[in-house]
Amino acid sequence: MNYKTIAQVRDAGIARVLIVALRAHGFHPLEPRDGGLPGVPNIFGAEGVGIEVPENEMADATLLVEDLLKDMTEADPAKPPY
C-alpha cells in the first residue's frame, strides 16, 4: 500500500490530534516515525511532522485535515492559543 503525505505540522501534539481524528473518521494514517536510534527522541526536519495516509484515502483525508487545522489555528479570544 502506498502512503502519501497530506500535511506537515511543526507541533508534534497537533500531529497526534490529527492522527487520532483521522482514525476516528475511519482513515488509516501512519504513526509518526521515531528518530531511529535507541534513546533518541523523534527528530523532525524543518517541515515538521508529516501526516501520511494511503493513496486511496488522500482526497477525503486532506479535506478533513485542512478543516481541523483551520479550526485549531483560528484565534478565539476566549481560549488560550495552542
N, C-alpha and C. Protein backbone atom coordinates (compact mmCIF):
# COMPACT_ATOMS: atom_id res chain seq x y z
N MET A 1 0.85 -1.17 0.00
CA MET A 1 0.00 0.00 0.00
C MET A 1 0.91 1.24 0.00
N ASN A 2 0.63 2.17 -0.90
CA ASN A 2 1.41 3.40 -0.98
C ASN A 2 0.77 4.49 -0.12
N TYR A 3 1.61 5.14 0.67
CA TYR A 3 1.16 6.24 1.52
C TYR A 3 1.66 7.56 0.97
N LYS A 4 0.85 8.60 1.13
CA LYS A 4 1.20 9.95 0.69
C LYS A 4 1.06 10.92 1.85
N THR A 5 1.95 11.89 1.89
CA THR A 5 1.90 12.93 2.92
C THR A 5 0.84 13.95 2.51
N ILE A 6 -0.11 14.19 3.41
CA ILE A 6 -1.18 15.15 3.11
C ILE A 6 -1.02 16.46 3.87
N ALA A 7 -0.15 16.46 4.88
CA ALA A 7 0.08 17.69 5.66
C ALA A 7 1.39 17.57 6.41
N GLN A 8 1.97 18.72 6.72
CA GLN A 8 3.16 18.81 7.56
C GLN A 8 2.83 19.80 8.67
N VAL A 9 3.01 19.41 9.91
CA VAL A 9 2.77 20.31 11.04
C VAL A 9 4.01 20.35 11.91
N ARG A 10 4.30 21.51 12.46
CA ARG A 10 5.51 21.68 13.27
C ARG A 10 5.34 21.19 14.71
N ASP A 11 4.11 21.16 15.18
CA ASP A 11 3.83 20.78 16.56
C ASP A 11 3.46 19.29 16.61
N ALA A 12 4.26 18.50 17.32
CA ALA A 12 4.01 17.06 17.42
C ALA A 12 2.67 16.77 18.10
N GLY A 13 2.25 17.62 19.03
CA GLY A 13 0.96 17.43 19.69
C GLY A 13 -0.20 17.58 18.73
N ILE A 14 -0.11 18.57 17.85
CA ILE A 14 -1.16 18.76 16.84
C ILE A 14 -1.17 17.58 15.88
N ALA A 15 0.01 17.08 15.54
CA ALA A 15 0.09 15.91 14.66
C ALA A 15 -0.62 14.72 15.29
N ARG A 16 -0.42 14.51 16.59
CA ARG A 16 -1.09 13.39 17.27
C ARG A 16 -2.61 13.57 17.25
N VAL A 17 -3.08 14.79 17.47
CA VAL A 17 -4.52 15.06 17.44
C VAL A 17 -5.08 14.76 16.05
N LEU A 18 -4.38 15.19 15.01
CA LEU A 18 -4.83 14.94 13.65
C LEU A 18 -4.89 13.45 13.34
N ILE A 19 -3.90 12.70 13.78
CA ILE A 19 -3.87 11.26 13.54
C ILE A 19 -5.03 10.57 14.24
N VAL A 20 -5.30 10.97 15.49
CA VAL A 20 -6.43 10.38 16.23
C VAL A 20 -7.75 10.74 15.53
N ALA A 21 -7.89 11.98 15.09
CA ALA A 21 -9.12 12.39 14.42
C ALA A 21 -9.30 11.63 13.10
N LEU A 22 -8.22 11.44 12.36
CA LEU A 22 -8.31 10.68 11.12
C LEU A 22 -8.77 9.24 11.39
N ARG A 23 -8.18 8.62 12.41
CA ARG A 23 -8.57 7.25 12.76
C ARG A 23 -10.05 7.20 13.19
N ALA A 24 -10.47 8.20 13.95
CA ALA A 24 -11.86 8.23 14.42
C ALA A 24 -12.85 8.36 13.26
N HIS A 25 -12.39 8.94 12.15
CA HIS A 25 -13.24 9.10 10.97
C HIS A 25 -13.06 7.96 9.96
N GLY A 26 -12.33 6.90 10.36
CA GLY A 26 -12.22 5.73 9.50
C GLY A 26 -11.03 5.70 8.56
N PHE A 27 -10.13 6.67 8.68
CA PHE A 27 -8.93 6.68 7.84
C PHE A 27 -7.83 5.85 8.50
N HIS A 28 -6.75 5.60 7.77
CA HIS A 28 -5.67 4.74 8.26
C HIS A 28 -4.32 5.45 8.17
N PRO A 29 -4.10 6.50 8.97
CA PRO A 29 -2.82 7.22 8.90
C PRO A 29 -1.69 6.40 9.54
N LEU A 30 -0.47 6.66 9.07
CA LEU A 30 0.71 6.05 9.69
C LEU A 30 1.04 6.80 10.97
N GLU A 31 1.60 6.08 11.92
CA GLU A 31 2.11 6.72 13.14
C GLU A 31 3.39 7.47 12.78
N PRO A 32 3.66 8.60 13.43
CA PRO A 32 4.93 9.29 13.18
C PRO A 32 6.10 8.37 13.50
N ARG A 33 7.15 8.49 12.70
CA ARG A 33 8.30 7.61 12.88
C ARG A 33 9.27 8.18 13.91
N ASP A 34 9.96 7.28 14.61
CA ASP A 34 10.97 7.69 15.59
C ASP A 34 12.23 8.12 14.88
N GLY A 35 13.15 8.71 15.68
CA GLY A 35 14.42 9.16 15.13
C GLY A 35 15.29 8.03 14.62
N GLY A 36 15.03 6.80 15.06
CA GLY A 36 15.75 5.66 14.53
C GLY A 36 16.85 5.14 15.42
N LEU A 37 17.23 5.86 16.46
CA LEU A 37 18.26 5.42 17.38
C LEU A 37 17.67 5.21 18.76
N PRO A 38 18.05 4.15 19.45
CA PRO A 38 17.53 3.94 20.80
C PRO A 38 17.85 5.11 21.72
N GLY A 39 16.88 5.56 22.46
CA GLY A 39 17.09 6.66 23.40
C GLY A 39 17.09 8.04 22.79
N VAL A 40 16.94 8.12 21.49
CA VAL A 40 16.92 9.43 20.81
C VAL A 40 15.46 9.77 20.52
N PRO A 41 15.01 10.94 20.97
CA PRO A 41 13.62 11.31 20.69
C PRO A 41 13.42 11.56 19.20
N ASN A 42 12.17 11.70 18.82
CA ASN A 42 11.88 11.98 17.41
C ASN A 42 12.66 13.18 16.93
N ILE A 43 13.20 13.05 15.75
CA ILE A 43 13.95 14.15 15.14
C ILE A 43 13.14 14.59 13.93
N PHE A 44 12.63 15.80 13.98
CA PHE A 44 11.80 16.29 12.89
C PHE A 44 12.60 17.28 12.06
N GLY A 45 12.37 17.26 10.77
CA GLY A 45 13.00 18.20 9.88
C GLY A 45 12.37 19.57 10.00
N ALA A 46 12.84 20.47 9.18
CA ALA A 46 12.32 21.84 9.20
C ALA A 46 10.84 21.89 8.86
N GLU A 47 10.36 20.90 8.12
CA GLU A 47 8.96 20.87 7.71
C GLU A 47 8.05 20.39 8.83
N GLY A 48 8.58 19.74 9.83
CA GLY A 48 7.78 19.23 10.93
C GLY A 48 7.42 17.78 10.75
N VAL A 49 6.26 17.40 11.28
CA VAL A 49 5.78 16.02 11.27
C VAL A 49 4.87 15.84 10.06
N GLY A 50 5.14 14.81 9.28
CA GLY A 50 4.30 14.52 8.12
C GLY A 50 3.12 13.64 8.51
N ILE A 51 1.94 13.97 8.02
CA ILE A 51 0.74 13.16 8.22
C ILE A 51 0.56 12.37 6.93
N GLU A 52 0.67 11.03 7.03
CA GLU A 52 0.62 10.18 5.84
C GLU A 52 -0.58 9.25 5.89
N VAL A 53 -1.28 9.15 4.75
CA VAL A 53 -2.43 8.24 4.62
C VAL A 53 -2.29 7.46 3.32
N PRO A 54 -3.02 6.32 3.20
CA PRO A 54 -3.00 5.58 1.94
C PRO A 54 -3.47 6.46 0.78
N GLU A 55 -2.93 6.20 -0.40
CA GLU A 55 -3.27 6.99 -1.59
C GLU A 55 -4.77 7.06 -1.84
N ASN A 56 -5.46 5.94 -1.65
CA ASN A 56 -6.89 5.93 -1.95
C ASN A 56 -7.73 6.72 -0.93
N GLU A 57 -7.14 7.14 0.18
CA GLU A 57 -7.84 7.95 1.19
C GLU A 57 -7.41 9.42 1.13
N MET A 58 -6.47 9.72 0.27
CA MET A 58 -5.81 11.02 0.26
C MET A 58 -6.77 12.21 0.11
N ALA A 59 -7.67 12.16 -0.85
CA ALA A 59 -8.54 13.31 -1.12
C ALA A 59 -9.44 13.64 0.07
N ASP A 60 -10.13 12.64 0.59
CA ASP A 60 -11.05 12.88 1.71
C ASP A 60 -10.31 13.23 2.99
N ALA A 61 -9.19 12.55 3.25
CA ALA A 61 -8.41 12.83 4.45
C ALA A 61 -7.84 14.24 4.42
N THR A 62 -7.44 14.70 3.25
CA THR A 62 -6.91 16.06 3.11
C THR A 62 -7.97 17.10 3.49
N LEU A 63 -9.20 16.88 3.03
CA LEU A 63 -10.28 17.81 3.38
C LEU A 63 -10.48 17.88 4.89
N LEU A 64 -10.49 16.72 5.54
CA LEU A 64 -10.68 16.68 6.98
C LEU A 64 -9.55 17.39 7.70
N VAL A 65 -8.30 17.09 7.33
CA VAL A 65 -7.15 17.70 7.99
C VAL A 65 -7.13 19.22 7.78
N GLU A 66 -7.45 19.67 6.59
CA GLU A 66 -7.48 21.12 6.34
C GLU A 66 -8.52 21.80 7.23
N ASP A 67 -9.70 21.20 7.35
CA ASP A 67 -10.74 21.78 8.21
C ASP A 67 -10.32 21.77 9.68
N LEU A 68 -9.72 20.67 10.13
CA LEU A 68 -9.28 20.59 11.52
C LEU A 68 -8.18 21.61 11.81
N LEU A 69 -7.22 21.74 10.91
CA LEU A 69 -6.14 22.72 11.11
C LEU A 69 -6.70 24.14 11.13
N LYS A 70 -7.67 24.40 10.28
CA LYS A 70 -8.29 25.73 10.26
C LYS A 70 -8.96 26.02 11.61
N ASP A 71 -9.71 25.04 12.11
CA ASP A 71 -10.37 25.20 13.40
C ASP A 71 -9.37 25.34 14.54
N MET A 72 -8.27 24.62 14.48
CA MET A 72 -7.28 24.63 15.56
C MET A 72 -6.44 25.90 15.56
N THR A 73 -6.33 26.56 14.44
CA THR A 73 -5.45 27.73 14.37
C THR A 73 -6.19 29.06 14.35
N GLU A 74 -7.51 29.01 14.28
CA GLU A 74 -8.28 30.27 14.33
C GLU A 74 -8.16 30.87 15.72
N ALA A 75 -7.96 32.16 15.76
CA ALA A 75 -7.83 32.86 17.03
C ALA A 75 -9.21 33.02 17.68
N ASP A 76 -9.32 32.57 18.90
CA ASP A 76 -10.54 32.73 19.68
C ASP A 76 -10.16 33.45 20.97
N PRO A 77 -10.64 34.68 21.18
CA PRO A 77 -10.22 35.44 22.36
C PRO A 77 -10.57 34.75 23.69
N ALA A 78 -11.56 33.85 23.68
CA ALA A 78 -11.96 33.18 24.91
C ALA A 78 -11.04 32.01 25.26
N LYS A 79 -10.22 31.56 24.30
CA LYS A 79 -9.34 30.41 24.53
C LYS A 79 -7.87 30.84 24.41
N PRO A 80 -7.01 30.21 25.19
CA PRO A 80 -5.58 30.48 25.00
C PRO A 80 -5.09 29.83 23.70
N PRO A 81 -4.03 30.37 23.08
CA PRO A 81 -3.52 29.77 21.85
C PRO A 81 -2.88 28.42 22.13
N TYR A 82 -2.79 27.59 21.10
CA TYR A 82 -2.18 26.26 21.21
C TYR A 82 -0.71 26.36 21.37
